[in-house]
C-alpha atoms as a PDB file:
ATOM      1  CA  GLN A   1      -0.017   0.112   0.020  1.00  0.00           C
ATOM      2  CA  PHE A   2       2.911   2.306   0.618  1.00  0.00           C
ATOM      3  CA  ALA A   3       4.390   1.602  -2.469  1.00  0.00           C
ATOM      4  CA  LYS A   4       1.121   2.489  -4.760  1.00  0.00           C
ATOM      5  CA  HIS A   5       1.132   6.253  -2.495  1.00  0.00           C
ATOM      6  CA  LEU A   6       5.179   6.462  -3.265  1.00  0.00           C
ATOM      7  CA  ILE A   7       4.516   5.792  -6.728  1.00  0.00           C
ATOM      8  CA  GLN A   8       1.439   8.240  -6.810  1.00  0.00           C
ATOM      9  CA  LEU A   9       3.297  11.063  -5.203  1.00  0.00           C
ATOM     10  CA  CYS A  10       5.994  10.797  -7.662  1.00  0.00           C
ATOM     11  CA  GLU A  11       3.761  10.856 -10.506  1.00  0.00           C
ATOM     12  CA  ASP A  12       1.770  13.908  -9.424  1.00  0.00           C
ATOM     13  CA  ASN A  13       4.989  15.859  -8.655  1.00  0.00           C
ATOM     14  CA  ASP A  14       6.693  14.807 -11.827  1.00  0.00           C
ATOM     15  CA  LEU A  15       9.352  13.242 -10.057  1.00  0.00           C
ATOM     16  CA  VAL A  16      10.995   9.759 -10.699  1.00  0.00           C
ATOM     17  CA  LEU A  17      11.536   6.796  -8.218  1.00  0.00           C
ATOM     18  CA  SER A  18      14.925   6.165  -9.345  1.00  0.00           C
ATOM     19  CA  SER A  19      15.541   3.476  -6.668  1.00  0.00           C
ATOM     20  CA  LYS A  20      12.775   1.394  -8.483  1.00  0.00           C
ATOM     21  CA  VAL A  21      13.935   2.528 -11.861  1.00  0.00           C
ATOM     22  CA  LEU A  22      17.840   1.264 -11.143  1.00  0.00           C
ATOM     23  CA  LEU A  23      17.601  -1.542  -8.852  1.00  0.00           C
ATOM     24  CA  PRO A  24      16.237  -4.883  -9.004  1.00  0.00           C
ATOM     25  CA  LYS A  25      12.729  -5.700  -8.072  1.00  0.00           C
ATOM     26  CA  ASP A  26      13.738  -8.320  -5.213  1.00  0.00           C
ATOM     27  CA  SER A  27      15.880  -5.429  -3.582  1.00  0.00           C
ATOM     28  CA  TYR A  28      15.567  -4.794  -0.040  1.00  0.00           C
ATOM     29  CA  THR A  29      16.840  -2.098   2.477  1.00  0.00           C
ATOM     30  CA  TYR A  30      15.582  -3.145   5.975  1.00  0.00           C
ATOM     31  CA  ILE A  31      15.480  -6.532   7.889  1.00  0.00           C
ATOM     32  CA  SER A  32      13.019  -7.032  10.786  1.00  0.00           C
ATOM     33  CA  GLU A  33      15.304  -8.511  13.701  1.00  0.00           C
ATOM     34  CA  ALA A  34      11.564  -9.309  15.408  1.00  0.00           C
ATOM     35  CA  TRP A  35       9.527 -11.134  12.150  1.00  0.00           C
ATOM     36  CA  HIS A  36      13.056 -11.908  10.283  1.00  0.00           C
ATOM     37  CA  THR A  37      11.556 -10.509   7.412  1.00  0.00           C
ATOM     38  CA  THR A  38      12.996  -8.036   4.720  1.00  0.00           C
ATOM     39  CA  SER A  39      11.290  -4.973   3.200  1.00  0.00           C
ATOM     40  CA  TRP A  40      12.295  -2.281   0.625  1.00  0.00           C
ATOM     41  CA  LEU A  41      11.784   1.335   3.021  1.00  0.00           C
ATOM     42  CA  ASP A  42      14.420   3.623   1.782  1.00  0.00           C
ATOM     43  CA  HIS A  43      14.430   4.931  -1.578  1.00  0.00           C
ATOM     44  CA  CYS A  44      15.609   7.528  -3.789  1.00  0.00           C
ATOM     45  CA  ILE A  45      13.446  10.171  -5.202  1.00  0.00           C
ATOM     46  CA  SER A  46      14.696  12.356  -8.136  1.00  0.00           C
ATOM     47  CA  THR A  47      13.652  15.164 -10.245  1.00  0.00           C
ATOM     48  CA  ALA A  48      14.094  14.481 -13.956  1.00  0.00           C
ATOM     49  CA  ASP A  49      17.222  16.264 -14.454  1.00  0.00           C
ATOM     50  CA  GLY A  50      18.544  14.674 -11.249  1.00  0.00           C
ATOM     51  CA  HIS A  51      17.628  11.035 -12.032  1.00  0.00           C
ATOM     52  CA  ALA A  52      19.739  11.941 -15.737  1.00  0.00           C
ATOM     53  CA  ALA A  53      22.687  12.597 -13.298  1.00  0.00           C
ATOM     54  CA  LEU A  54      22.541   9.422 -11.475  1.00  0.00           C
ATOM     55  CA  ASP A  55      25.605   7.170 -12.716  1.00  0.00           C
ATOM     56  CA  SER A  56      24.764   4.311 -10.592  1.00  0.00           C
ATOM     57  CA  MET A  57      23.042   3.012  -7.512  1.00  0.00           C
ATOM     58  CA  SER A  58      23.469   0.168  -5.230  1.00  0.00           C
ATOM     59  CA  ILE A  59      22.385  -1.370  -1.881  1.00  0.00           C
ATOM     60  CA  LYS A  60      25.295  -2.107   0.316  1.00  0.00           C
ATOM     61  CA  TYR A  61      24.081  -5.367   1.595  1.00  0.00           C
ATOM     62  CA  GLY A  62      27.529  -6.486   2.718  1.00  0.00           C
ATOM     63  CA  VAL A  63      28.432  -3.754   5.020  1.00  0.00           C
ATOM     64  CA  THR A  64      25.539  -3.582   7.232  1.00  0.00           C
ATOM     65  CA  VAL A  65      24.869  -5.003  10.691  1.00  0.00           C
ATOM     66  CA  SER A  66      21.813  -3.062  11.574  1.00  0.00           C
ATOM     67  CA  ASP A  67      18.377  -2.907  10.773  1.00  0.00           C
ATOM     68  CA  HIS A  68      18.584  -0.728   7.677  1.00  0.00           C
ATOM     69  CA  ILE A  69      21.054  -1.485   4.872  1.00  0.00           C
ATOM     70  CA  PRO A  70      22.690   1.352   3.104  1.00  0.00           C
ATOM     71  CA  LEU A  71      21.812   2.669  -0.240  1.00  0.00           C
ATOM     72  CA  ALA A  72      24.373   4.230  -2.184  1.00  0.00           C
ATOM     73  CA  PHE A  73      24.446   6.185  -5.286  1.00  0.00           C
ATOM     74  CA  SER A  74      27.033   8.155  -7.450  1.00  0.00           C
ATOM     75  CA  ILE A  75      26.266  11.643  -9.075  1.00  0.00           C
ATOM     76  CA  ASN A  76      27.725  13.157 -12.333  1.00  0.00           C
ATOM     77  CA  VAL A  77      27.548  16.761 -10.967  1.00  0.00           C
ATOM     78  CA  GLU A  78      28.626  17.888 -14.578  1.00  0.00           C
ATOM     79  CA  GLN A  79      25.284  16.423 -15.743  1.00  0.00           C
ATOM     80  CA  LEU A  80      23.571  18.649 -13.132  1.00  0.00           C
ATOM     81  CA  PRO A  81      21.622  21.945 -14.742  1.00  0.00           C
ATOM     82  CA  SER A  82      22.615  25.241 -13.317  1.00  0.00           C
ATOM     83  CA  THR A  83      19.706  27.266 -12.772  1.00  0.00           C
ATOM     84  CA  MET A  84      21.527  30.833 -12.659  1.00  0.00           C
ATOM     85  CA  GLY A  85      24.504  29.799 -14.821  1.00  0.00           C
ATOM     86  CA  VAL A  86      26.881  30.248 -11.652  1.00  0.00           C
ATOM     87  CA  ASN A  87      27.725  27.360  -9.468  1.00  0.00           C
ATOM     88  CA  TYR A  88      27.817  28.851  -6.087  1.00  0.00           C
ATOM     89  CA  VAL A  89      29.119  25.738  -4.321  1.00  0.00           C
ATOM     90  CA  ASN A  90      32.469  25.374  -6.359  1.00  0.00           C
ATOM     91  CA  ASN A  91      33.407  28.496  -4.187  1.00  0.00           C
ATOM     92  CA  TYR A  92      33.355  26.485  -1.151  1.00  0.00           C
ATOM     93  CA  ASP A  93      33.884  22.586  -2.312  1.00  0.00           C
ATOM     94  CA  ASN A  94      37.148  22.537  -0.949  1.00  0.00           C
ATOM     95  CA  ILE A  95      36.576  23.614   2.669  1.00  0.00           C
ATOM     96  CA  LYS A  96      36.015  21.445   5.481  1.00  0.00           C
ATOM     97  CA  LEU A  97      34.838  21.367   8.969  1.00  0.00           C
ATOM     98  CA  GLU A  98      36.275  19.059  11.291  1.00  0.00           C
ATOM     99  CA  TRP A  99      33.111  18.559  13.628  1.00  0.00           C
ATOM    100  CA  ALA A 100      34.821  16.035  15.767  1.00  0.00           C
ATOM    101  CA  ALA A 101      37.732  18.317  16.700  1.00  0.00           C
ATOM    102  CA  LEU A 102      35.797  21.593  17.838  1.00  0.00           C
ATOM    103  CA  SER A 103      34.708  21.921  21.578  1.00  0.00           C
ATOM    104  CA  ASP A 104      31.803  22.553  22.910  1.00  0.00           C
ATOM    105  CA  LYS A 105      32.597  26.361  22.904  1.00  0.00           C
ATOM    106  CA  ASP A 106      33.302  26.164  19.355  1.00  0.00           C
ATOM    107  CA  ILE A 107      30.199  24.684  18.626  1.00  0.00           C
ATOM    108  CA  SER A 108      27.912  27.232  20.603  1.00  0.00           C
ATOM    109  CA  GLY A 109      30.150  30.132  18.776  1.00  0.00           C
ATOM    110  CA  TYR A 110      29.365  28.474  15.594  1.00  0.00           C
ATOM    111  CA  SER A 111      25.617  28.326  16.580  1.00  0.00           C
ATOM    112  CA  TYR A 112      25.317  31.842  17.567  1.00  0.00           C
ATOM    113  CA  ASN A 113      27.167  33.257  14.666  1.00  0.00           C
ATOM    114  CA  THR A 114      24.999  30.949  12.039  1.00  0.00           C
ATOM    115  CA  ASP A 115      21.665  32.565  13.750  1.00  0.00           C
ATOM    116  CA  GLN A 116      22.902  36.138  13.546  1.00  0.00           C
ATOM    117  CA  TYR A 117      23.545  35.708   9.641  1.00  0.00           C
ATOM    118  CA  LEU A 118      20.576  33.833   9.004  1.00  0.00           C
ATOM    119  CA  ASN A 119      18.493  36.304  10.547  1.00  0.00           C
ATOM    120  CA  ASN A 120      19.815  39.100   8.223  1.00  0.00           C
ATOM    121  CA  ILE A 121      18.848  37.006   5.294  1.00  0.00           C
ATOM    122  CA  SER A 122      15.744  38.427   2.999  1.00  0.00           C
ATOM    123  CA  VAL A 123      13.279  35.345   2.483  1.00  0.00           C
ATOM    124  CA  ALA A 124      11.813  34.931  -0.488  1.00  0.00           C
ATOM    125  CA  LYS A 125       8.304  34.642   0.694  1.00  0.00           C
ATOM    126  CA  GLU A 126       6.573  34.850  -2.860  1.00  0.00           C
ATOM    127  CA  ALA A 127       8.424  32.440  -4.338  1.00  0.00           C
ATOM    128  CA  ILE A 128       8.347  29.922  -1.392  1.00  0.00           C
ATOM    129  CA  LEU A 129       4.410  30.080  -0.995  1.00  0.00           C
ATOM    130  CA  CYS A 130       3.978  29.669  -4.864  1.00  0.00           C
ATOM    131  CA  GLU A 131       1.813  26.462  -4.816  1.00  0.00           C
ATOM    132  CA  ASP A 132       2.716  25.794  -9.029  1.00  0.00           C
ATOM    133  CA  VAL A 133       5.189  23.011  -8.958  1.00  0.00           C
ATOM    134  CA  ASN A 134       6.009  23.682 -12.460  1.00  0.00           C
ATOM    135  CA  CYS A 135       6.131  27.309 -11.867  1.00  0.00           C
ATOM    136  CA  LYS A 136       7.894  29.229 -14.689  1.00  0.00           C
ATOM    137  CA  ILE A 137       8.353  32.431 -13.218  1.00  0.00           C
ATOM    138  CA  LEU A 138      11.950  34.001 -13.752  1.00  0.00           C
ATOM    139  CA  LYS A 139      11.462  36.193 -10.860  1.00  0.00           C
ATOM    140  CA  HIS A 140      10.707  33.075  -8.282  1.00  0.00           C
ATOM    141  CA  LYS A 141      13.747  31.438  -9.573  1.00  0.00           C
ATOM    142  CA  SER A 142      15.930  34.207  -9.371  1.00  0.00           C
ATOM    143  CA  ASP A 143      14.701  35.029  -5.678  1.00  0.00           C
ATOM    144  CA  LEU A 144      15.362  31.485  -4.345  1.00  0.00           C
ATOM    145  CA  CYS A 145      18.667  31.198  -6.293  1.00  0.00           C
ATOM    146  CA  SER A 146      19.766  34.383  -4.280  1.00  0.00           C
ATOM    147  CA  MET A 147      18.339  33.193  -0.912  1.00  0.00           C
ATOM    148  CA  TYR A 148      20.102  30.004  -1.788  1.00  0.00           C
ATOM    149  CA  GLU A 149      23.544  31.649  -2.061  1.00  0.00           C
ATOM    150  CA  ASP A 150      22.902  33.948   0.992  1.00  0.00           C
ATOM    151  CA  ILE A 151      22.434  30.868   3.243  1.00  0.00           C
ATOM    152  CA  VAL A 152      25.610  29.559   2.026  1.00  0.00           C
ATOM    153  CA  ASP A 153      27.351  32.487   2.340  1.00  0.00           C
ATOM    154  CA  ALA A 154      26.220  32.795   6.021  1.00  0.00           C
ATOM    155  CA  LEU A 155      26.972  28.857   6.783  1.00  0.00           C
ATOM    156  CA  TYR A 156      30.700  29.569   5.128  1.00  0.00           C
ATOM    157  CA  GLU A 157      31.167  32.709   7.270  1.00  0.00           C
ATOM    158  CA  SER A 158      30.025  31.029  10.459  1.00  0.00           C
ATOM    159  CA  GLY A 159      32.385  28.311  10.360  1.00  0.00           C
ATOM    160  CA  ARG A 160      35.505  30.285   8.910  1.00  0.00           C
ATOM    161  CA  PRO A 161      37.347  30.267  11.863  1.00  0.00           C
ATOM    162  CA  PHE A 162      37.340  26.499  11.997  1.00  0.00           C
ATOM    163  CA  HIS A 163      37.998  25.785   7.989  1.00  0.00           C
ATOM    164  CA  VAL A 164      40.368  23.103   6.949  1.00  0.00           C
ATOM    165  CA  LYS A 165      41.400  22.473   3.753  1.00  0.00           C
ATOM    166  CA  GLY A 166      40.167  19.509   2.091  1.00  0.00           C
ATOM    167  CA  LYS A 167      43.641  18.703   0.395  1.00  0.00           C
ATOM    168  CA  ASN A 168      44.992  18.388   3.902  1.00  0.00           C
ATOM    169  CA  LYS A 169      42.717  15.690   5.317  1.00  0.00           C
ATOM    170  CA  GLN A 170      43.006  14.589   8.715  1.00  0.00           C
ATOM    171  CA  LYS A 171      42.604  11.073   9.943  1.00  0.00           C
ATOM    172  CA  PRO A 172      39.395   9.796  10.191  1.00  0.00           C
ATOM    173  CA  HIS A 173      37.810  10.084  13.720  1.00  0.00           C
ATOM    174  CA  ILE A 174      37.718   6.834  15.389  1.00  0.00           C
ATOM    175  CA  ARG A 175      35.827   6.591  18.847  1.00  0.00           C
ATOM    176  CA  PRO A 176      37.923   5.624  21.617  1.00  0.00           C
ATOM    177  CA  GLY A 177      37.994   1.509  22.451  1.00  0.00           C
ATOM    178  CA  TRP A 178      36.496   1.009  19.076  1.00  0.00           C
ATOM    179  CA  LYS A 179      39.442  -1.054  17.844  1.00  0.00           C
ATOM    180  CA  GLU A 180      39.750  -2.805  21.238  1.00  0.00           C
ATOM    181  CA  HIS A 181      36.170  -3.603  21.796  1.00  0.00           C
ATOM    182  CA  VAL A 182      34.127  -3.253  18.766  1.00  0.00           C
ATOM    183  CA  ALA A 183      35.961  -4.037  15.912  1.00  0.00           C
ATOM    184  CA  MET A 184      36.294  -7.550  16.151  1.00  0.00           C
ATOM    185  CA  TYR A 185      32.621  -8.144  16.692  1.00  0.00           C
ATOM    186  CA  GLN A 186      31.702  -5.867  13.659  1.00  0.00           C
ATOM    187  CA  ASP A 187      33.951  -7.834  11.405  1.00  0.00           C
ATOM    188  CA  GLU A 188      31.964 -10.940  12.902  1.00  0.00           C
ATOM    189  CA  ALA A 189      28.451  -9.390  12.485  1.00  0.00           C
ATOM    190  CA  ARG A 190      29.159  -8.656   8.644  1.00  0.00           C
ATOM    191  CA  VAL A 191      30.408 -12.189   8.044  1.00  0.00           C
ATOM    192  CA  ALA A 192      27.565 -13.654   9.947  1.00  0.00           C
ATOM    193  CA  PHE A 193      25.094 -11.200   7.720  1.00  0.00           C
ATOM    194  CA  LYS A 194      26.967 -12.330   4.454  1.00  0.00           C
ATOM    195  CA  CYS A 195      26.549 -16.219   5.284  1.00  0.00           C
ATOM    196  CA  TRP A 196      22.736 -15.479   6.398  1.00  0.00           C
ATOM    197  CA  ASP A 197      22.056 -13.771   3.118  1.00  0.00           C
ATOM    198  CA  MET A 198      24.056 -16.343   0.817  1.00  0.00           C
ATOM    199  CA  VAL A 199      21.620 -19.145   2.078  1.00  0.00           C
ATOM    200  CA  GLY A 200      18.420 -17.348   1.352  1.00  0.00           C
ATOM    201  CA  ARG A 201      17.730 -15.413   5.090  1.00  0.00           C
ATOM    202  CA  PRO A 202      16.211 -18.241   6.673  1.00  0.00           C
ATOM    203  CA  ARG A 203      14.089 -17.605   9.724  1.00  0.00           C
ATOM    204  CA  GLN A 204      15.770 -20.307  11.751  1.00  0.00           C
ATOM    205  CA  GLY A 205      18.847 -22.747  11.466  1.00  0.00           C
ATOM    206  CA  VAL A 206      22.602 -22.831  11.920  1.00  0.00           C
ATOM    207  CA  GLU A 207      23.105 -19.203   9.765  1.00  0.00           C
ATOM    208  CA  PHE A 208      19.867 -17.552  10.903  1.00  0.00           C
ATOM    209  CA  GLU A 209      21.184 -18.236  15.069  1.00  0.00           C
ATOM    210  CA  GLN A 210      24.997 -17.197  14.146  1.00  0.00           C
ATOM    211  CA  LYS A 211      23.631 -13.928  12.774  1.00  0.00           C
ATOM    212  CA  LYS A 212      21.633 -13.113  15.656  1.00  0.00           C
ATOM    213  CA  ARG A 213      24.161 -13.684  18.219  1.00  0.00           C
ATOM    214  CA  ALA A 214      26.633 -12.160  16.203  1.00  0.00           C
ATOM    215  CA  ASN A 215      24.520  -8.775  15.989  1.00  0.00           C
ATOM    216  CA  ALA A 216      23.676  -9.170  19.301  1.00  0.00           C
ATOM    217  CA  ARG A 217      27.249  -8.858  20.572  1.00  0.00           C
ATOM    218  CA  TYR A 218      28.314  -6.121  18.203  1.00  0.00           C
ATOM    219  CA  LYS A 219      25.417  -3.719  19.665  1.00  0.00           C
ATOM    220  CA  TYR A 220      26.320  -4.878  23.111  1.00  0.00           C
ATOM    221  CA  ALA A 221      29.853  -3.990  22.257  1.00  0.00           C
ATOM    222  CA  VAL A 222      28.834  -0.370  20.913  1.00  0.00           C
ATOM    223  CA  ARG A 223      26.644   0.357  23.956  1.00  0.00           C
ATOM    224  CA  PHE A 224      29.637  -0.688  26.467  1.00  0.00           C
ATOM    225  CA  ILE A 225      31.986   2.170  24.743  1.00  0.00           C
ATOM    226  CA  SER A 226      29.081   4.572  24.660  1.00  0.00           C
ATOM    227  CA  LYS A 227      29.143   4.349  28.452  1.00  0.00           C
ATOM    228  CA  ASN A 228      32.417   3.851  29.164  1.00  0.00           C
END
């Protein structure tokens, strides 16, 4: 029933259910631990232009150890349309914020500055309240693009004191205790999931019990380092 509503929503708004178009019919992105069933709950919805820019899409069955399975896709940004003939994002695409390295004081300062900058932005009320999903009014497009540019500028300025150049990438943040207490159980859960998936995802039997116990150990380990 949900699928019918989702498809109807896309049809009514000239959108494309990209995941349905690009992925096999027997795909699934959710595993119910209670009922041991699979469902396709996670989807990718695009505009026609956005769908045309999708290079590939896949479901990462092999990397999941939780209820939801990651849905991944790659986008050819060169194929994306430019509404104003200017790509504002390119000015900032090499700037990163290393959130894990910021203190509580830094984050509070960023939040305060962001509020100040955003409060000074002129909101394109007429364009936002326009109910025509296929609006062709140039002023609406221009106002929305200008507002978008102002928002990007505001976020950029708020984070300026904490900017890190993308080329000098820092090591990925690893939670304390992850290698010692979690990594082995994460690997075990991945292997157990693959074995269970390869035999048809049964609701009982050796593979099922192994997956169930491996998931329980992994989740317990994650909770352990979160509390300690």
